[in-house]
Amino acid sequence: MQRIDAVEIETVNRCNGKCPFCPVNATQPQRKYAKMSEELFRKIIDELAEMNYSRGISIYSNNEPFLDERIIDFHKYANEKLPRAVFWLFTNGTLLTLEKFLAIMPYLDQLVIDNYNDDFKINTPELQKVYDYIQEHKELRKRVKFWFRPENAVLYSRGGQAPNKQGVKNIAVNVLCTQPFRQLIIRPTGEISLCCNDALGKYTLGNLSTQTIREVWNSPEHQAIRAEMLKNGRKNLMLCSECDSLFGPELWASRQRP
């Protein structure tokens, strides 16, 4: 079985951000609302535990994780079941309070707070409290990355779906991408997307509501994409042919414990 290096579990498919580089920002047409059932979440985590999974896991994907009021409880359950896994979480911080920050940190190896603001100001008074707390507790600085980022930045094309990066020639079209070989992206319905750049779920490579992780990871659909990627690079694959994201093995080296 091809090794899974990173699992992303999107428990609710919404984001409250308005970043124009993101195809699921709150100003764009919204996906049909979906929220993962607790039963499905536990099934996924339990299967990973049976596999002795010990690589990267993120209980978020193309969403704002703190829109799900269960996010801390989900991390607690996953940590208990997957003691060797490495837990990552990205948030825009707008819903983060000091209380929530202190509650979730025992379950995270890495928290990235993307403070999107063109004036590089902290977005909320509550987030300012979190920032101040991090500055006062130096031991947190290796585990928490507080990034001041411009909201209107132009970033990767996200498979040609980034609203503010349209019609740009993709110079990476013949470059191999490792995402389909390493990354398992799970939507709230249990459906499997191509990779983290498949923000709108244009690919469905299986469904964990009715299949096991091993079945979807080794599905004919997954295998066909990997074979095509190895043979011809990105040029014949939907989304991939317009994607300029560059992912190599070095990305995953940090997503494992010694």
Protein backbone atom coordinates (compact mmCIF):
# COMPACT_ATOMS: atom_id res chain seq x y z
CA MET A 1 0.00 0.00 0.00
CA GLN A 2 1.28 3.44 -0.95
CA ARG A 3 2.08 5.25 2.30
CA ILE A 4 -0.19 8.11 3.35
CA ASP A 5 1.87 11.01 4.62
CA ALA A 6 -0.86 13.55 5.33
CA VAL A 7 -4.56 13.31 6.13
CA GLU A 8 -6.88 16.31 6.04
CA ILE A 9 -10.36 15.96 7.52
CA GLU A 10 -12.74 18.79 6.68
CA THR A 11 -15.50 18.58 9.28
CA VAL A 12 -17.57 21.50 7.93
CA ASN A 13 -17.24 22.99 4.46
CA ARG A 14 -17.36 26.68 5.24
CA CYS A 15 -14.89 29.53 5.71
CA ASN A 16 -15.62 33.02 6.99
CA GLY A 17 -12.58 34.54 5.26
CA LYS A 18 -12.80 36.77 2.20
CA CYS A 19 -9.32 36.16 0.81
CA PRO A 20 -9.48 36.61 -3.01
CA PHE A 21 -6.78 33.97 -3.58
CA CYS A 22 -9.04 31.23 -2.16
CA PRO A 23 -11.78 29.56 -4.23
CA VAL A 24 -13.90 28.88 -1.13
CA ASN A 25 -13.80 32.35 0.39
CA ALA A 26 -17.07 33.67 1.77
CA THR A 27 -17.74 35.93 -1.24
CA GLN A 28 -17.66 33.03 -3.72
CA PRO A 29 -20.58 30.74 -4.59
CA GLN A 30 -20.87 28.37 -1.66
CA ARG A 31 -20.61 24.62 -1.77
CA LYS A 32 -23.68 22.66 -0.68
CA TYR A 33 -23.49 22.81 3.10
CA ALA A 34 -22.12 19.70 4.74
CA LYS A 35 -21.08 18.92 8.30
CA MET A 36 -19.39 15.64 9.15
CA SER A 37 -21.25 13.39 11.54
CA GLU A 38 -19.50 12.42 14.74
CA GLU A 39 -20.00 8.77 13.77
CA LEU A 40 -18.11 9.23 10.50
CA PHE A 41 -15.35 11.21 12.18
CA ARG A 42 -14.80 8.45 14.75
CA LYS A 43 -14.84 5.80 12.00
CA ILE A 44 -12.05 7.61 10.15
CA ILE A 45 -9.93 8.07 13.26
CA ASP A 46 -10.50 4.48 14.39
CA GLU A 47 -9.40 3.14 11.01
CA LEU A 48 -6.25 5.26 11.12
CA ALA A 49 -5.58 3.88 14.60
CA GLU A 50 -5.90 0.32 13.29
CA MET A 51 -3.27 1.24 10.69
CA ASN A 52 -0.96 2.63 13.42
CA TYR A 53 -0.92 5.89 11.53
CA SER A 54 2.00 8.09 12.60
CA ARG A 55 2.29 10.85 10.00
CA GLY A 56 0.61 14.24 9.59
CA ILE A 57 -3.06 14.81 10.34
CA SER A 58 -5.06 18.03 10.07
CA ILE A 59 -8.65 18.30 11.23
CA TYR A 60 -9.37 20.96 8.64
CA SER A 61 -8.91 21.34 4.90
CA ASN A 62 -10.48 24.07 2.75
CA ASN A 63 -12.39 25.58 5.66
CA GLU A 64 -12.09 27.55 8.89
CA PRO A 65 -11.86 24.85 11.59
CA PHE A 66 -13.25 26.96 14.43
CA LEU A 67 -16.58 27.23 12.62
CA ASP A 68 -17.13 23.71 13.96
CA GLU A 69 -17.92 23.91 17.66
CA ARG A 70 -16.71 20.30 18.07
CA ILE A 71 -13.17 21.01 16.89
CA ILE A 72 -11.52 20.74 20.32
CA ASP A 73 -13.39 17.56 21.26
CA PHE A 74 -12.47 16.06 17.88
CA HIS A 75 -8.80 16.79 18.52
CA LYS A 76 -9.00 15.22 21.96
CA TYR A 77 -10.49 12.01 20.55
CA ALA A 78 -8.00 11.85 17.68
CA ASN A 79 -5.03 12.40 20.00
CA GLU A 80 -6.12 9.58 22.26
CA LYS A 81 -6.46 7.20 19.32
CA LEU A 82 -3.38 8.37 17.36
CA PRO A 83 -0.64 9.08 19.90
CA ARG A 84 2.13 8.88 17.28
CA ALA A 85 0.52 11.14 14.68
CA VAL A 86 1.57 14.75 14.13
CA PHE A 87 -1.32 17.20 14.48
CA TRP A 88 -1.39 20.39 12.39
CA LEU A 89 -4.04 23.09 12.30
CA PHE A 90 -4.35 26.25 10.20
CA THR A 91 -6.82 28.99 11.13
CA ASN A 92 -7.43 32.59 10.14
CA GLY A 93 -7.79 33.34 13.84
CA THR A 94 -10.93 35.43 13.61
CA LEU A 95 -12.90 33.04 15.84
CA LEU A 96 -10.00 32.19 18.13
CA THR A 97 -10.17 33.26 21.76
CA LEU A 98 -7.52 32.78 24.42
CA GLU A 99 -9.77 30.18 26.06
CA LYS A 100 -10.05 28.16 22.85
CA PHE A 101 -6.33 28.56 22.18
CA LEU A 102 -5.40 27.16 25.59
CA ALA A 103 -7.95 24.35 25.22
CA ILE A 104 -6.69 23.11 21.85
CA MET A 105 -2.92 23.52 22.22
CA PRO A 106 -2.43 20.30 24.28
CA TYR A 107 -3.59 18.40 21.19
CA LEU A 108 -1.48 20.17 18.55
CA ASP A 109 2.11 19.80 17.43
CA GLN A 110 1.80 22.84 15.19
CA LEU A 111 -0.72 25.68 15.02
CA VAL A 112 -0.50 28.22 12.20
CA ILE A 113 -2.51 31.41 12.62
CA ASP A 114 -2.83 33.25 9.30
CA ASN A 115 -3.74 36.81 10.22
CA TYR A 116 -4.86 38.13 6.82
CA ASN A 117 -4.80 41.92 6.89
CA ASP A 118 -3.43 44.28 4.25
CA ASP A 119 -2.39 46.75 6.97
CA PHE A 120 -0.69 43.93 8.94
CA LYS A 121 -2.84 44.62 11.98
CA ILE A 122 -4.22 41.92 14.27
CA ASN A 123 -7.81 41.32 13.22
CA THR A 124 -9.66 41.01 16.54
CA PRO A 125 -9.17 41.99 20.20
CA GLU A 126 -9.41 38.33 21.19
CA LEU A 127 -6.69 37.39 18.72
CA GLN A 128 -4.54 40.17 20.17
CA LYS A 129 -4.80 38.38 23.54
CA VAL A 130 -3.62 35.16 21.91
CA TYR A 131 -0.71 36.96 20.25
CA ASP A 132 0.33 38.58 23.53
CA TYR A 133 0.15 35.26 25.33
CA ILE A 134 2.43 33.65 22.75
CA GLN A 135 4.94 36.48 23.14
CA GLU A 136 4.93 35.98 26.91
CA HIS A 137 5.44 32.22 26.67
CA LYS A 138 8.53 31.55 24.59
CA GLU A 139 8.06 27.78 24.78
CA LEU A 140 5.04 28.15 22.47
CA ARG A 141 6.85 29.93 19.67
CA LYS A 142 8.16 26.72 18.06
CA ARG A 143 4.67 25.23 18.04
CA VAL A 144 2.68 28.31 17.06
CA LYS A 145 3.36 30.30 13.91
CA PHE A 146 1.58 33.66 13.92
CA TRP A 147 1.81 34.94 10.37
CA PHE A 148 0.89 38.46 9.30
CA ARG A 149 -0.21 38.03 5.70
CA PRO A 150 -1.83 40.41 3.17
CA GLU A 151 -5.44 39.50 2.53
CA ASN A 152 -5.16 40.44 -1.15
CA ALA A 153 -2.03 38.45 -1.91
CA VAL A 154 -1.72 36.54 -5.17
CA LEU A 155 -0.61 33.00 -4.35
CA TYR A 156 -0.85 29.62 -6.07
CA SER A 157 -3.44 29.09 -8.78
CA ARG A 158 -5.17 26.32 -6.79
CA GLY A 159 -5.73 24.23 -9.89
CA GLY A 160 -6.81 27.29 -11.87
CA GLN A 161 -9.52 28.05 -9.31
CA ALA A 162 -7.95 30.97 -7.42
CA PRO A 163 -10.28 33.93 -8.08
CA ASN A 164 -7.43 36.45 -8.33
CA LYS A 165 -5.07 34.34 -10.47
CA GLN A 166 -6.86 33.48 -13.67
CA GLY A 167 -5.41 32.84 -17.11
CA VAL A 168 -1.79 32.56 -16.01
CA LYS A 169 0.35 30.19 -18.06
CA ASN A 170 1.29 27.15 -15.98
CA ILE A 171 5.01 26.54 -16.27
CA ALA A 172 4.74 23.48 -14.01
CA VAL A 173 2.52 21.47 -16.36
CA ASN A 174 5.18 18.81 -17.02
CA VAL A 175 6.36 18.67 -13.41
CA LEU A 176 5.47 15.68 -11.28
CA CYS A 177 3.37 16.49 -8.21
CA THR A 178 3.56 14.22 -5.17
CA GLN A 179 0.15 15.11 -3.73
CA PRO A 180 -1.84 12.19 -5.18
CA PHE A 181 0.79 9.82 -3.81
CA ARG A 182 0.87 11.20 -0.28
CA GLN A 183 -2.22 13.18 0.68
CA LEU A 184 -5.69 11.96 1.66
CA ILE A 185 -8.31 14.74 1.61
CA ILE A 186 -11.66 13.92 3.22
CA ARG A 187 -14.73 16.09 2.74
CA PRO A 188 -17.49 16.31 5.41
CA THR A 189 -19.58 13.76 3.50
CA GLY A 190 -16.74 11.24 3.58
CA GLU A 191 -15.99 11.80 -0.11
CA ILE A 192 -12.34 11.91 -1.14
CA SER A 193 -10.94 14.84 -3.12
CA LEU A 194 -7.88 14.80 -5.37
CA CYS A 195 -5.70 16.92 -3.08
CA CYS A 196 -5.83 20.08 -0.97
CA ASN A 197 -6.06 22.18 -4.17
CA ASP A 198 -9.29 20.43 -5.14
CA ALA A 199 -11.13 22.90 -2.93
CA LEU A 200 -14.51 22.50 -4.62
CA GLY A 201 -14.42 18.70 -4.70
CA LYS A 202 -14.33 18.32 -8.47
CA TYR A 203 -12.83 14.86 -8.04
CA THR A 204 -14.46 12.16 -5.96
CA LEU A 205 -12.08 9.22 -5.53
CA GLY A 206 -14.13 7.22 -3.06
CA ASN A 207 -16.33 7.68 -0.02
CA LEU A 208 -15.43 6.74 3.54
CA SER A 209 -19.10 6.55 4.46
CA THR A 210 -19.23 3.26 2.59
CA GLN A 211 -15.57 2.29 2.08
CA THR A 212 -12.46 1.83 4.17
CA ILE A 213 -9.40 4.05 3.99
CA ARG A 214 -7.44 1.27 2.34
CA GLU A 215 -10.14 0.85 -0.30
CA VAL A 216 -10.31 4.52 -1.26
CA TRP A 217 -6.52 4.98 -1.13
CA ASN A 218 -6.03 2.07 -3.51
CA SER A 219 -9.12 2.69 -5.63
CA PRO A 220 -8.92 2.39 -9.42
CA GLU A 221 -9.58 6.14 -9.63
CA HIS A 222 -6.59 6.95 -7.42
CA GLN A 223 -4.35 4.48 -9.20
CA ALA A 224 -5.26 5.87 -12.62
CA ILE A 225 -4.36 9.43 -11.57
CA ARG A 226 -1.02 8.32 -10.14
CA ALA A 227 -0.19 6.36 -13.28
CA GLU A 228 -1.03 9.34 -15.50
CA MET A 229 1.01 11.67 -13.30
CA LEU A 230 4.04 9.39 -13.52
CA LYS A 231 3.69 9.02 -17.28
CA ASN A 232 2.81 12.53 -18.45
CA GLY A 233 3.03 14.89 -15.50
CA ARG A 234 0.07 17.22 -14.97
CA LYS A 235 -0.91 18.10 -18.51
CA ASN A 236 -3.74 15.59 -19.03
CA LEU A 237 -5.34 15.84 -15.58
CA MET A 238 -8.20 18.17 -14.72
CA LEU A 239 -7.09 20.84 -12.21
CA CYS A 240 -3.50 19.55 -12.28
CA SER A 241 -2.96 20.97 -15.76
CA GLU A 242 -3.69 24.45 -14.39
CA CYS A 243 -2.02 24.02 -11.01
CA ASP A 244 1.28 25.74 -10.22
CA SER A 245 1.62 24.42 -6.66
CA LEU A 246 4.93 22.68 -6.11
CA PHE A 247 5.02 19.88 -3.57
CA GLY A 248 7.99 17.64 -3.00
CA PRO A 249 9.08 15.05 -0.44
CA GLU A 250 10.70 17.72 1.73
CA LEU A 251 7.24 19.07 2.66
CA TRP A 252 6.36 15.87 4.45
CA ALA A 253 9.67 15.43 6.26
CA SER A 254 8.52 17.83 8.99
CA ARG A 255 5.18 16.11 9.37
CA GLN A 256 6.41 13.14 11.32
CA ARG A 257 7.74 12.55 14.77
CA PRO A 258 11.27 11.19 15.26
